[in-house]
Amino acid sequence: MKTFLFLVSTLIFSNSHATAMGENSPDCVLTSLNNTPVHFHEYTGKVLYVDFWASWCTSCMQSFPFLNQLTHEFGEQGLHIVGVNLDEQVDDALAFLGHHPSHFTIANHGGEQCAKSFEVQAMPSSYLIDKHGVIRYTHQGFRAGETDELKQQIVKLLAEK
């Protein structure tokens, strides 16, 4: 966690800007918790919601039920969610998931480099990527009152060709 905290503090206090809307998404290559490769380019043609999280993030605890709801509501329509875990120890992530299960893909190996590519500045950080691999919506933190706007963005992207 110390390495990631340094990474986050470096990003927050530097002059870098998060990967912007309208830019192509970085093509992260990750490994899921069950050792399955996760390549973002494989989701071309689907809407991809990328959520960077860690076990120590209290807002992440609140966001997981919402992400599960999105999976059930929009998964069959083409939404795919990848939660990118940034814990240094996989056991921390597994303990978190024991209390806050996910119904979406969780990737951990390769997450730190992916976070650097996205220039993650807060936890959680979310990126909504359209069917062509373009970042269309970004969000930092999690507040239940902002979920309707995110759902509207998802519906809009799912309807696009």
Protein backbone atom coordinates (compact mmCIF):
# COMPACT_ATOMS: atom_id res chain seq x y z
CA MET A 1 0.00 0.00 0.00
CA LYS A 2 2.89 2.39 0.68
CA THR A 3 3.97 2.25 -2.95
CA PHE A 4 0.47 2.98 -4.17
CA LEU A 5 -0.01 5.79 -1.65
CA PHE A 6 3.19 7.33 -2.95
CA LEU A 7 1.92 6.91 -6.50
CA VAL A 8 -1.41 8.56 -5.67
CA SER A 9 0.20 11.42 -3.74
CA THR A 10 2.67 11.98 -6.58
CA LEU A 11 -0.16 12.17 -9.07
CA ILE A 12 -2.31 14.42 -6.91
CA PHE A 13 0.44 16.93 -6.25
CA SER A 14 2.03 16.90 -9.69
CA ASN A 15 0.77 18.96 -12.60
CA SER A 16 -0.37 15.90 -14.53
CA HIS A 17 -3.94 15.64 -15.72
CA ALA A 18 -6.04 12.49 -15.68
CA THR A 19 -6.60 10.75 -18.97
CA ALA A 20 -9.20 12.99 -20.56
CA MET A 21 -12.59 12.41 -22.04
CA GLY A 22 -12.41 12.06 -25.77
CA GLU A 23 -9.01 10.34 -25.69
CA ASN A 24 -8.45 6.71 -26.54
CA SER A 25 -8.29 4.50 -23.49
CA PRO A 26 -4.91 3.05 -22.55
CA ASP A 27 -4.88 -0.63 -23.50
CA CYS A 28 -4.05 -2.17 -20.16
CA VAL A 29 -3.03 -5.80 -19.95
CA LEU A 30 -4.05 -7.24 -16.59
CA THR A 31 -4.68 -10.56 -14.92
CA SER A 32 -7.89 -11.33 -13.07
CA LEU A 33 -7.94 -12.86 -9.60
CA ASN A 34 -8.61 -16.25 -11.21
CA ASN A 35 -5.50 -15.82 -13.43
CA THR A 36 -7.44 -15.02 -16.61
CA PRO A 37 -5.86 -12.39 -18.91
CA VAL A 38 -7.78 -9.12 -19.12
CA HIS A 39 -6.98 -6.96 -22.17
CA PHE A 40 -9.03 -3.78 -22.58
CA HIS A 41 -8.88 -3.97 -26.40
CA GLU A 42 -10.89 -7.20 -26.21
CA TYR A 43 -13.92 -5.16 -25.14
CA THR A 44 -14.15 -3.27 -28.43
CA GLY A 45 -17.81 -3.26 -29.40
CA LYS A 46 -18.89 -3.18 -25.75
CA VAL A 47 -19.11 -0.39 -23.23
CA LEU A 48 -16.35 -0.78 -20.66
CA TYR A 49 -16.52 0.65 -17.15
CA VAL A 50 -13.08 0.63 -15.50
CA ASP A 51 -13.03 1.19 -11.75
CA PHE A 52 -9.74 1.57 -9.84
CA TRP A 53 -10.14 0.57 -6.19
CA ALA A 54 -8.30 -0.62 -3.08
CA SER A 55 -9.28 -2.46 0.09
CA TRP A 56 -8.53 0.56 2.31
CA CYS A 57 -10.85 2.86 0.31
CA THR A 58 -14.08 3.47 2.23
CA SER A 59 -15.85 4.90 -0.83
CA CYS A 60 -14.99 1.69 -2.68
CA MET A 61 -16.98 -0.25 -0.10
CA GLN A 62 -20.00 1.88 -0.97
CA SER A 63 -19.48 1.62 -4.73
CA PHE A 64 -19.41 -2.19 -5.05
CA PRO A 65 -23.18 -2.71 -4.56
CA PHE A 66 -23.79 -0.08 -7.25
CA LEU A 67 -21.31 -1.73 -9.63
CA ASN A 68 -23.00 -5.09 -9.02
CA GLN A 69 -26.35 -3.48 -9.80
CA LEU A 70 -24.96 -2.08 -13.07
CA THR A 71 -23.66 -5.53 -14.00
CA HIS A 72 -27.10 -7.08 -13.51
CA GLU A 73 -28.99 -4.23 -15.15
CA PHE A 74 -26.81 -3.63 -18.20
CA GLY A 75 -24.47 -6.63 -18.57
CA GLU A 76 -26.56 -8.42 -21.17
CA GLN A 77 -26.87 -5.16 -23.13
CA GLY A 78 -23.11 -4.91 -23.57
CA LEU A 79 -21.72 -3.26 -20.43
CA HIS A 80 -18.63 -4.89 -18.97
CA ILE A 81 -17.09 -3.75 -15.68
CA VAL A 82 -13.47 -4.31 -14.72
CA GLY A 83 -12.48 -3.44 -11.17
CA VAL A 84 -8.73 -2.84 -11.09
CA ASN A 85 -7.40 -3.55 -7.62
CA LEU A 86 -4.39 -1.54 -6.48
CA ASP A 87 -3.54 -3.30 -3.21
CA GLU A 88 0.06 -4.46 -2.86
CA GLN A 89 -1.06 -7.70 -1.21
CA VAL A 90 -3.66 -9.84 -2.96
CA ASP A 91 -4.81 -11.07 0.47
CA ASP A 92 -6.02 -7.54 1.26
CA ALA A 93 -8.15 -7.55 -1.88
CA LEU A 94 -9.48 -11.02 -1.12
CA ALA A 95 -10.44 -10.00 2.43
CA PHE A 96 -12.27 -6.95 1.04
CA LEU A 97 -14.09 -9.11 -1.51
CA GLY A 98 -15.09 -11.51 1.27
CA HIS A 99 -17.14 -8.66 2.77
CA HIS A 100 -18.01 -6.86 -0.48
CA PRO A 101 -18.37 -9.48 -3.23
CA SER A 102 -18.22 -8.43 -6.87
CA HIS A 103 -20.35 -9.69 -9.73
CA PHE A 104 -17.91 -8.20 -12.24
CA THR A 105 -14.32 -8.87 -13.29
CA ILE A 106 -11.64 -8.07 -10.73
CA ALA A 107 -8.09 -7.66 -12.03
CA ASN A 108 -5.06 -7.16 -9.87
CA HIS A 109 -1.79 -8.09 -11.57
CA GLY A 110 -0.72 -5.14 -13.74
CA GLY A 111 -3.00 -2.70 -11.97
CA GLU A 112 -0.29 -0.29 -10.86
CA GLN A 113 0.97 0.25 -14.41
CA CYS A 114 -2.62 0.58 -15.65
CA ALA A 115 -3.30 3.22 -12.97
CA LYS A 116 -0.22 5.14 -14.16
CA SER A 117 -1.46 4.94 -17.75
CA PHE A 118 -4.82 6.37 -16.73
CA GLU A 119 -3.12 8.89 -14.41
CA VAL A 120 -5.41 7.87 -11.53
CA GLN A 121 -5.64 10.67 -8.98
CA ALA A 122 -8.21 9.49 -6.43
CA MET A 123 -9.82 6.34 -5.08
CA PRO A 124 -12.03 5.10 -6.54
CA SER A 125 -11.55 6.49 -10.05
CA SER A 126 -13.89 5.41 -12.81
CA TYR A 127 -13.65 5.60 -16.58
CA LEU A 128 -16.52 4.88 -18.95
CA ILE A 129 -15.19 3.79 -22.34
CA ASP A 130 -17.36 3.59 -25.45
CA LYS A 131 -17.59 0.77 -27.98
CA HIS A 132 -14.69 2.26 -29.97
CA GLY A 133 -12.28 2.51 -27.03
CA VAL A 134 -12.74 6.24 -26.38
CA ILE A 135 -13.05 7.55 -22.83
CA ARG A 136 -16.42 9.28 -22.64
CA TYR A 137 -16.91 9.85 -18.92
CA THR A 138 -14.60 10.03 -15.91
CA HIS A 139 -15.40 10.23 -12.23
CA GLN A 140 -13.40 10.42 -9.02
CA GLY A 141 -14.74 9.16 -5.70
CA PHE A 142 -18.16 7.68 -5.14
CA ARG A 143 -21.29 9.48 -4.01
CA ALA A 144 -24.64 7.70 -4.19
CA GLY A 145 -26.35 10.92 -5.32
CA GLU A 146 -24.38 10.89 -8.57
CA THR A 147 -25.36 7.42 -9.75
CA ASP A 148 -28.28 8.56 -11.92
CA GLU A 149 -25.98 10.65 -14.12
CA LEU A 150 -23.67 7.66 -14.58
CA LYS A 151 -26.59 5.39 -15.50
CA GLN A 152 -27.71 7.95 -18.10
CA GLN A 153 -24.23 7.96 -19.61
CA ILE A 154 -24.22 4.15 -19.76
CA VAL A 155 -27.64 4.01 -21.44
CA LYS A 156 -26.49 6.61 -23.98
CA LEU A 157 -23.30 4.69 -24.82
CA LEU A 158 -25.08 1.35 -25.04
CA ALA A 159 -27.51 2.86 -27.59
CA GLU A 160 -24.70 4.14 -29.83
CA LYS A 161 -23.56 2.12 -32.85
